[in-house]
C-alpha atoms as a PDB file:
ATOM      1  CA  UNK A   1     130.802  96.120  66.568  1.00  0.00           C
ATOM      2  CA  UNK A   2     130.531  93.849  69.596  1.00  0.00           C
ATOM      3  CA  UNK A   3     130.201  90.121  68.984  1.00  0.00           C
ATOM      4  CA  UNK A   4     128.137  88.144  71.482  1.00  0.00           C
ATOM      5  CA  UNK A   5     128.945  84.479  71.951  1.00  0.00           C
ATOM      6  CA  UNK A   6     126.109  83.533  74.303  1.00  0.00           C
ATOM      7  CA  UNK A   7     122.393  84.062  74.822  1.00  0.00           C
ATOM      8  CA  UNK A   8     122.621  84.837  78.525  1.00  0.00           C
ATOM      9  CA  UNK A   9     120.668  87.550  80.280  1.00  0.00           C
ATOM     10  CA  UNK A  10     122.124  89.849  82.926  1.00  0.00           C
ATOM     11  CA  UNK A  11     120.073  91.310  85.778  1.00  0.00           C
ATOM     12  CA  UNK A  12     121.712  93.804  88.129  1.00  0.00           C
ATOM     13  CA  UNK A  13     119.829  94.716  91.298  1.00  0.00           C
ATOM     14  CA  UNK A  14     120.224  97.765  93.481  1.00  0.00           C
ATOM     15  CA  UNK A  15     120.154  96.826  97.171  1.00  0.00           C
ATOM     16  CA  UNK A  16     118.578  99.557  99.314  1.00  0.00           C
ATOM     17  CA  UNK A  17     115.046 100.463  98.305  1.00  0.00           C
ATOM     18  CA  UNK A  18     114.807  97.871  95.523  1.00  0.00           C
ATOM     19  CA  UNK A  19     115.528  94.545  97.185  1.00  0.00           C
ATOM     20  CA  UNK A  20     115.957  95.672 100.831  1.00  0.00           C
ATOM     21  CA  UNK A  21     113.286  97.589 102.747  1.00  0.00           C
ATOM     22  CA  UNK A  22     115.750 100.326 103.643  1.00  0.00           C
ATOM     23  CA  UNK A  23     113.186 102.819 104.908  1.00  0.00           C
ATOM     24  CA  UNK A  24     112.037 100.657 107.795  1.00  0.00           C
ATOM     25  CA  UNK A  25     115.631  99.714 108.668  1.00  0.00           C
ATOM     26  CA  UNK A  26     116.592 103.384 108.837  1.00  0.00           C
ATOM     27  CA  UNK A  27     113.424 104.211 110.751  1.00  0.00           C
ATOM     28  CA  UNK A  28     114.209 101.543 113.372  1.00  0.00           C
ATOM     29  CA  UNK A  29     117.810 102.740 113.772  1.00  0.00           C
ATOM     30  CA  UNK A  30     116.641 106.326 114.241  1.00  0.00           C
ATOM     31  CA  UNK A  31     114.034 105.325 116.807  1.00  0.00           C
ATOM     32  CA  UNK A  32     116.723 103.585 118.857  1.00  0.00           C
ATOM     33  CA  UNK A  33     118.416 107.006 119.128  1.00  0.00           C
ATOM     34  CA  UNK A  34     115.239 108.946 119.894  1.00  0.00           C
ATOM     35  CA  UNK A  35     114.914 110.333 116.369  1.00  0.00           C
ATOM     36  CA  UNK A  36     112.163 110.280 113.763  1.00  0.00           C
ATOM     37  CA  UNK A  37     112.450 110.403 109.962  1.00  0.00           C
ATOM     38  CA  UNK A  38     108.720 110.832 109.375  1.00  0.00           C
ATOM     39  CA  UNK A  39     106.495 108.740 107.129  1.00  0.00           C
ATOM     40  CA  UNK A  40     107.611 107.155 103.878  1.00  0.00           C
ATOM     41  CA  UNK A  41     105.627 109.532 101.632  1.00  0.00           C
ATOM     42  CA  UNK A  42     107.464 112.579 102.961  1.00  0.00           C
ATOM     43  CA  UNK A  43     110.743 110.646 103.087  1.00  0.00           C
ATOM     44  CA  UNK A  44     110.492 109.907  99.349  1.00  0.00           C
ATOM     45  CA  UNK A  45     109.912 113.571  98.482  1.00  0.00           C
ATOM     46  CA  UNK A  46     112.977 114.949 100.260  1.00  0.00           C
ATOM     47  CA  UNK A  47     116.213 115.844  98.579  1.00  0.00           C
ATOM     48  CA  UNK A  48     118.971 113.301  99.136  1.00  0.00           C
ATOM     49  CA  UNK A  49     120.804 115.552 101.605  1.00  0.00           C
ATOM     50  CA  UNK A  50     117.757 115.801 103.878  1.00  0.00           C
ATOM     51  CA  UNK A  51     116.480 112.215 103.715  1.00  0.00           C
ATOM     52  CA  UNK A  52     118.363 111.186 106.852  1.00  0.00           C
ATOM     53  CA  UNK A  53     117.800 114.425 108.764  1.00  0.00           C
ATOM     54  CA  UNK A  54     114.020 114.335 108.554  1.00  0.00           C
ATOM     55  CA  UNK A  55     111.602 116.916 107.217  1.00  0.00           C
ATOM     56  CA  UNK A  56     110.706 120.277 108.707  1.00  0.00           C
ATOM     57  CA  UNK A  57     108.863 118.593 111.560  1.00  0.00           C
ATOM     58  CA  UNK A  58     111.708 116.265 112.544  1.00  0.00           C
ATOM     59  CA  UNK A  59     114.818 118.238 111.528  1.00  0.00           C
ATOM     60  CA  UNK A  60     115.506 120.304 114.704  1.00  0.00           C
ATOM     61  CA  UNK A  61     115.348 117.356 117.122  1.00  0.00           C
ATOM     62  CA  UNK A  62     117.235 115.034 114.792  1.00  0.00           C
ATOM     63  CA  UNK A  63     119.967 117.588 114.197  1.00  0.00           C
ATOM     64  CA  UNK A  64     120.582 117.890 117.938  1.00  0.00           C
ATOM     65  CA  UNK A  65     120.868 114.114 118.221  1.00  0.00           C
ATOM     66  CA  UNK A  66     123.279 113.824 115.268  1.00  0.00           C
ATOM     67  CA  UNK A  67     125.496 116.732 116.290  1.00  0.00           C
ATOM     68  CA  UNK A  68     129.044 115.581 116.882  1.00  0.00           C
ATOM     69  CA  UNK A  69     131.227 112.842 115.432  1.00  0.00           C
ATOM     70  CA  UNK A  70     130.567 110.344 118.220  1.00  0.00           C
ATOM     71  CA  UNK A  71     126.787 110.653 117.830  1.00  0.00           C
ATOM     72  CA  UNK A  72     127.009 109.989 114.093  1.00  0.00           C
ATOM     73  CA  UNK A  73     129.367 107.064 114.731  1.00  0.00           C
ATOM     74  CA  UNK A  74     126.940 105.480 117.200  1.00  0.00           C
ATOM     75  CA  UNK A  75     124.026 105.975 114.797  1.00  0.00           C
ATOM     76  CA  UNK A  76     125.994 104.279 112.013  1.00  0.00           C
ATOM     77  CA  UNK A  77     126.846 101.389 114.323  1.00  0.00           C
ATOM     78  CA  UNK A  78     123.165 100.986 115.203  1.00  0.00           C
ATOM     79  CA  UNK A  79     122.130 101.149 111.547  1.00  0.00           C
ATOM     80  CA  UNK A  80     124.685  98.459 110.750  1.00  0.00           C
ATOM     81  CA  UNK A  81     123.330  96.161 113.457  1.00  0.00           C
ATOM     82  CA  UNK A  82     119.739  96.756 112.352  1.00  0.00           C
ATOM     83  CA  UNK A  83     120.614  95.887 108.749  1.00  0.00           C
ATOM     84  CA  UNK A  84     122.464  92.733 109.737  1.00  0.00           C
ATOM     85  CA  UNK A  85     119.899  91.366 112.186  1.00  0.00           C
ATOM     86  CA  UNK A  86     116.508  92.997 111.532  1.00  0.00           C
ATOM     87  CA  UNK A  87     116.276  94.492 108.018  1.00  0.00           C
ATOM     88  CA  UNK A  88     114.014  92.695 105.556  1.00  0.00           C
ATOM     89  CA  UNK A  89     113.882  92.017 101.857  1.00  0.00           C
ATOM     90  CA  UNK A  90     110.662  93.144 100.216  1.00  0.00           C
ATOM     91  CA  UNK A  91     107.974  90.447  99.845  1.00  0.00           C
ATOM     92  CA  UNK A  92     108.824  87.950  97.115  1.00  0.00           C
ATOM     93  CA  UNK A  93     112.329  89.296  96.459  1.00  0.00           C
ATOM     94  CA  UNK A  94     114.151  86.396  98.150  1.00  0.00           C
ATOM     95  CA  UNK A  95     112.194  83.894  96.056  1.00  0.00           C
ATOM     96  CA  UNK A  96     112.841  85.926  92.917  1.00  0.00           C
ATOM     97  CA  UNK A  97     116.585  86.030  93.586  1.00  0.00           C
ATOM     98  CA  UNK A  98     116.680  82.303  94.330  1.00  0.00           C
ATOM     99  CA  UNK A  99     114.923  81.572  91.077  1.00  0.00           C
ATOM    100  CA  UNK A 100     117.255  83.764  89.012  1.00  0.00           C
ATOM    101  CA  UNK A 101     120.390  82.530  90.775  1.00  0.00           C
ATOM    102  CA  UNK A 102     119.390  78.941  89.974  1.00  0.00           C
ATOM    103  CA  UNK A 103     118.647  79.696  86.303  1.00  0.00           C
ATOM    104  CA  UNK A 104     121.484  78.443  84.049  1.00  0.00           C
ATOM    105  CA  UNK A 105     121.310  81.266  81.503  1.00  0.00           C
ATOM    106  CA  UNK A 106     120.872  84.319  83.769  1.00  0.00           C
ATOM    107  CA  UNK A 107     123.723  86.264  85.317  1.00  0.00           C
ATOM    108  CA  UNK A 108     122.731  88.060  88.516  1.00  0.00           C
ATOM    109  CA  UNK A 109     124.519  91.001  90.094  1.00  0.00           C
ATOM    110  CA  UNK A 110     124.177  93.437  92.977  1.00  0.00           C
ATOM    111  CA  UNK A 111     125.447  97.022  92.917  1.00  0.00           C
ATOM    112  CA  UNK A 112     124.998  99.029  96.106  1.00  0.00           C
ATOM    113  CA  UNK A 113     125.822 102.261  97.891  1.00  0.00           C
ATOM    114  CA  UNK A 114     124.892 100.750 101.256  1.00  0.00           C
ATOM    115  CA  UNK A 115     126.134 103.139 103.945  1.00  0.00           C
ATOM    116  CA  UNK A 116     126.636 100.711 106.849  1.00  0.00           C
ATOM    117  CA  UNK A 117     130.000  99.705 108.280  1.00  0.00           C
ATOM    118  CA  UNK A 118     131.657  97.058 106.101  1.00  0.00           C
ATOM    119  CA  UNK A 119     128.706  96.942 103.663  1.00  0.00           C
ATOM    120  CA  UNK A 120     129.703  93.640 102.066  1.00  0.00           C
ATOM    121  CA  UNK A 121     129.659  91.957 105.478  1.00  0.00           C
ATOM    122  CA  UNK A 122     126.328  93.652 106.209  1.00  0.00           C
ATOM    123  CA  UNK A 123     124.786  92.322 103.007  1.00  0.00           C
ATOM    124  CA  UNK A 124     126.218  88.866 103.665  1.00  0.00           C
ATOM    125  CA  UNK A 125     124.504  88.774 107.078  1.00  0.00           C
ATOM    126  CA  UNK A 126     121.210  90.088 105.732  1.00  0.00           C
ATOM    127  CA  UNK A 127     120.941  87.757 102.726  1.00  0.00           C
ATOM    128  CA  UNK A 128     122.097  84.766 104.791  1.00  0.00           C
ATOM    129  CA  UNK A 129     118.918  85.128 106.843  1.00  0.00           C
ATOM    130  CA  UNK A 130     117.063  84.384 103.587  1.00  0.00           C
ATOM    131  CA  UNK A 131     119.307  81.407 102.753  1.00  0.00           C
ATOM    132  CA  UNK A 132     121.120  83.349 100.032  1.00  0.00           C
ATOM    133  CA  UNK A 133     124.918  83.373  99.964  1.00  0.00           C
ATOM    134  CA  UNK A 134     126.115  86.579  98.293  1.00  0.00           C
ATOM    135  CA  UNK A 135     128.990  84.583  96.804  1.00  0.00           C
ATOM    136  CA  UNK A 136     126.340  83.141  94.487  1.00  0.00           C
ATOM    137  CA  UNK A 137     125.978  86.499  92.757  1.00  0.00           C
ATOM    138  CA  UNK A 138     127.920  86.681  89.524  1.00  0.00           C
ATOM    139  CA  UNK A 139     128.816  90.295  90.207  1.00  0.00           C
ATOM    140  CA  UNK A 140     128.909  92.362  93.409  1.00  0.00           C
ATOM    141  CA  UNK A 141     130.051  95.949  93.812  1.00  0.00           C
ATOM    142  CA  UNK A 142     129.870  98.088  96.968  1.00  0.00           C
ATOM    143  CA  UNK A 143     130.565 101.580  95.685  1.00  0.00           C
ATOM    144  CA  UNK A 144     131.102 104.946  97.418  1.00  0.00           C
ATOM    145  CA  UNK A 145     127.878 106.812  98.166  1.00  0.00           C
ATOM    146  CA  UNK A 146     128.498 109.663  95.734  1.00  0.00           C
ATOM    147  CA  UNK A 147     129.916 107.582  92.908  1.00  0.00           C
ATOM    148  CA  UNK A 148     127.867 106.978  89.763  1.00  0.00           C
ATOM    149  CA  UNK A 149     126.823 103.388  89.101  1.00  0.00           C
ATOM    150  CA  UNK A 150     127.203 103.560  85.317  1.00  0.00           C
ATOM    151  CA  UNK A 151     130.743 102.239  85.066  1.00  0.00           C
ATOM    152  CA  UNK A 152     129.935  99.333  87.389  1.00  0.00           C
ATOM    153  CA  UNK A 153     126.880  98.344  85.367  1.00  0.00           C
ATOM    154  CA  UNK A 154     128.866  98.561  82.148  1.00  0.00           C
ATOM    155  CA  UNK A 155     131.748  96.638  83.700  1.00  0.00           C
ATOM    156  CA  UNK A 156     129.400  93.821  84.696  1.00  0.00           C
ATOM    157  CA  UNK A 157     127.773  93.667  81.269  1.00  0.00           C
ATOM    158  CA  UNK A 158     131.058  93.708  79.401  1.00  0.00           C
ATOM    159  CA  UNK A 159     132.756  91.181  81.690  1.00  0.00           C
ATOM    160  CA  UNK A 160     130.179  88.553  80.701  1.00  0.00           C
ATOM    161  CA  UNK A 161     129.927  89.725  77.075  1.00  0.00           C
ATOM    162  CA  UNK A 162     126.173  90.246  77.423  1.00  0.00           C
ATOM    163  CA  UNK A 163     124.148  91.745  74.592  1.00  0.00           C
ATOM    164  CA  UNK A 164     122.872  95.133  75.928  1.00  0.00           C
ATOM    165  CA  UNK A 165     119.387  94.174  74.725  1.00  0.00           C
ATOM    166  CA  UNK A 166     119.484  91.264  77.185  1.00  0.00           C
ATOM    167  CA  UNK A 167     120.813  93.291  80.124  1.00  0.00           C
ATOM    168  CA  UNK A 168     118.588  94.818  82.813  1.00  0.00           C
ATOM    169  CA  UNK A 169     119.365  97.160  85.706  1.00  0.00           C
ATOM    170  CA  UNK A 170     116.864  97.490  88.569  1.00  0.00           C
ATOM    171  CA  UNK A 171     116.799 100.478  90.913  1.00  0.00           C
ATOM    172  CA  UNK A 172     114.611 102.851  92.890  1.00  0.00           C
ATOM    173  CA  UNK A 173     116.056 106.310  92.180  1.00  0.00           C
ATOM    174  CA  UNK A 174     116.284 108.561  89.137  1.00  0.00           C
ATOM    175  CA  UNK A 175     120.073 108.167  89.223  1.00  0.00           C
ATOM    176  CA  UNK A 176     119.621 104.388  88.839  1.00  0.00           C
ATOM    177  CA  UNK A 177     117.479 105.004  85.758  1.00  0.00           C
ATOM    178  CA  UNK A 178     120.104 107.287  84.222  1.00  0.00           C
ATOM    179  CA  UNK A 179     122.927 104.868  85.064  1.00  0.00           C
ATOM    180  CA  UNK A 180     121.106 102.007  83.345  1.00  0.00           C
ATOM    181  CA  UNK A 181     120.518 104.063  80.197  1.00  0.00           C
ATOM    182  CA  UNK A 182     124.121 105.261  80.150  1.00  0.00           C
ATOM    183  CA  UNK A 183     125.363 101.669  80.512  1.00  0.00           C
ATOM    184  CA  UNK A 184     123.270 100.545  77.541  1.00  0.00           C
ATOM    185  CA  UNK A 185     120.910  98.480  79.710  1.00  0.00           C
ATOM    186  CA  UNK A 186     117.136  98.390  80.026  1.00  0.00           C
ATOM    187  CA  UNK A 187     115.971 100.115  83.240  1.00  0.00           C
ATOM    188  CA  UNK A 188     113.519  98.650  85.720  1.00  0.00           C
ATOM    189  CA  UNK A 189     112.540 101.343  88.224  1.00  0.00           C
ATOM    190  CA  UNK A 190     110.520 100.813  91.407  1.00  0.00           C
ATOM    191  CA  UNK A 191     108.694 103.527  93.327  1.00  0.00           C
ATOM    192  CA  UNK A 192     108.326 101.839  96.714  1.00  0.00           C
ATOM    193  CA  UNK A 193     111.891 102.700  97.789  1.00  0.00           C
ATOM    194  CA  UNK A 194     113.695 106.030  98.068  1.00  0.00           C
ATOM    195  CA  UNK A 195     111.684 107.946  95.452  1.00  0.00           C
ATOM    196  CA  UNK A 196     107.957 107.861  94.720  1.00  0.00           C
ATOM    197  CA  UNK A 197     106.305 107.678  91.299  1.00  0.00           C
ATOM    198  CA  UNK A 198     105.328 111.335  91.003  1.00  0.00           C
ATOM    199  CA  UNK A 199     108.811 112.553  91.904  1.00  0.00           C
ATOM    200  CA  UNK A 200     110.377 110.157  89.399  1.00  0.00           C
ATOM    201  CA  UNK A 201     107.966 111.186  86.638  1.00  0.00           C
ATOM    202  CA  UNK A 202     107.452 114.900  87.258  1.00  0.00           C
ATOM    203  CA  UNK A 203     110.891 115.957  88.444  1.00  0.00           C
ATOM    204  CA  UNK A 204     113.159 113.577  86.527  1.00  0.00           C
ATOM    205  CA  UNK A 205     111.066 112.569  83.498  1.00  0.00           C
ATOM    206  CA  UNK A 206     111.379 108.852  84.186  1.00  0.00           C
ATOM    207  CA  UNK A 207     108.796 107.179  81.913  1.00  0.00           C
ATOM    208  CA  UNK A 208     105.810 105.805  83.757  1.00  0.00           C
ATOM    209  CA  UNK A 209     106.078 102.681  81.601  1.00  0.00           C
ATOM    210  CA  UNK A 210     109.298 101.520  83.317  1.00  0.00           C
ATOM    211  CA  UNK A 211     108.095 102.157  86.890  1.00  0.00           C
ATOM    212  CA  UNK A 212     106.681  99.422  89.153  1.00  0.00           C
ATOM    213  CA  UNK A 213     104.771 100.631  92.198  1.00  0.00           C
ATOM    214  CA  UNK A 214     104.903  97.406  94.249  1.00  0.00           C
ATOM    215  CA  UNK A 215     107.334  94.507  94.677  1.00  0.00           C
ATOM    216  CA  UNK A 216     104.748  92.171  93.150  1.00  0.00           C
ATOM    217  CA  UNK A 217     104.390  94.299  90.028  1.00  0.00           C
ATOM    218  CA  UNK A 218     108.175  94.550  89.695  1.00  0.00           C
ATOM    219  CA  UNK A 219     108.594  90.783  90.020  1.00  0.00           C
ATOM    220  CA  UNK A 220     105.918  90.113  87.399  1.00  0.00           C
ATOM    221  CA  UNK A 221     107.437  92.600  84.966  1.00  0.00           C
ATOM    222  CA  UNK A 222     110.959  91.244  85.334  1.00  0.00           C
ATOM    223  CA  UNK A 223     109.898  87.599  85.013  1.00  0.00           C
ATOM    224  CA  UNK A 224     107.926  88.429  81.887  1.00  0.00           C
ATOM    225  CA  UNK A 225     110.952  90.173  80.363  1.00  0.00           C
ATOM    226  CA  UNK A 226     113.007  87.052  81.065  1.00  0.00           C
ATOM    227  CA  UNK A 227     110.285  84.829  79.548  1.00  0.00           C
ATOM    228  CA  UNK A 228     109.732  83.148  82.912  1.00  0.00           C
ATOM    229  CA  UNK A 229     106.239  82.558  84.222  1.00  0.00           C
ATOM    230  CA  UNK A 230     105.151  84.064  87.530  1.00  0.00           C
ATOM    231  CA  UNK A 231     104.144  80.769  89.100  1.00  0.00           C
ATOM    232  CA  UNK A 232     107.345  80.050  90.964  1.00  0.00           C
ATOM    233  CA  UNK A 233     107.213  79.059  94.643  1.00  0.00           C
ATOM    234  CA  UNK A 234     105.857  81.755  96.949  1.00  0.00           C
ATOM    235  CA  UNK A 235     106.108  84.517  94.342  1.00  0.00           C
ATOM    236  CA  UNK A 236     103.420  87.126  95.039  1.00  0.00           C
ATOM    237  CA  UNK A 237     101.021  88.342  92.412  1.00  0.00           C
ATOM    238  CA  UNK A 238     101.189  91.993  91.373  1.00  0.00           C
ATOM    239  CA  UNK A 239      99.188  94.281  93.647  1.00  0.00           C
END
């Protein structure tokens, strides 16, 4: 039986779709190459393989643009630049992170499958624009796109000897929910990122009770779980 020597909490955030408005970053990168990924509602409903090729309306034109190694390389370079210089955190997320990073009894981590070139450098540039140094995170893992997050979540929790009941993992996809459960952590799932509420509930049986539909609702729920009030500076109310 594990013995826990502290009363710390651990919060692990997913990057794209949970803290970072990835959809609009991807949309902007595609537009720079004359491509269209459609609206966010249809984007959220697509299978992972098709998310970046567009739906039936956009697929033919996008496929022509992405054909060939050099075209894909240029698109990735553009996406990287957009993330570093233009991508945004969702409303209130920067203030939430600042508050948790400054809390003495909360460990904060970031686990990401960010697909840009040199993703750690990309995240450093993005968060720096919000006056957050990623070196302040207690745990950071940039993992391969197809790799499961479970072992990284468990590694973070075990490295700080955190009671699983005081450990939370926040993500925006059904795989994030499953990874949290498998790592013995409580899942916080948002439906404003890569997967919408109905897809999460109907297709993957993610409980409605753990899903937040807006950044404000997510922030309120997480602060309440951490016994922190929602009256911090510039934190938005749930909407």
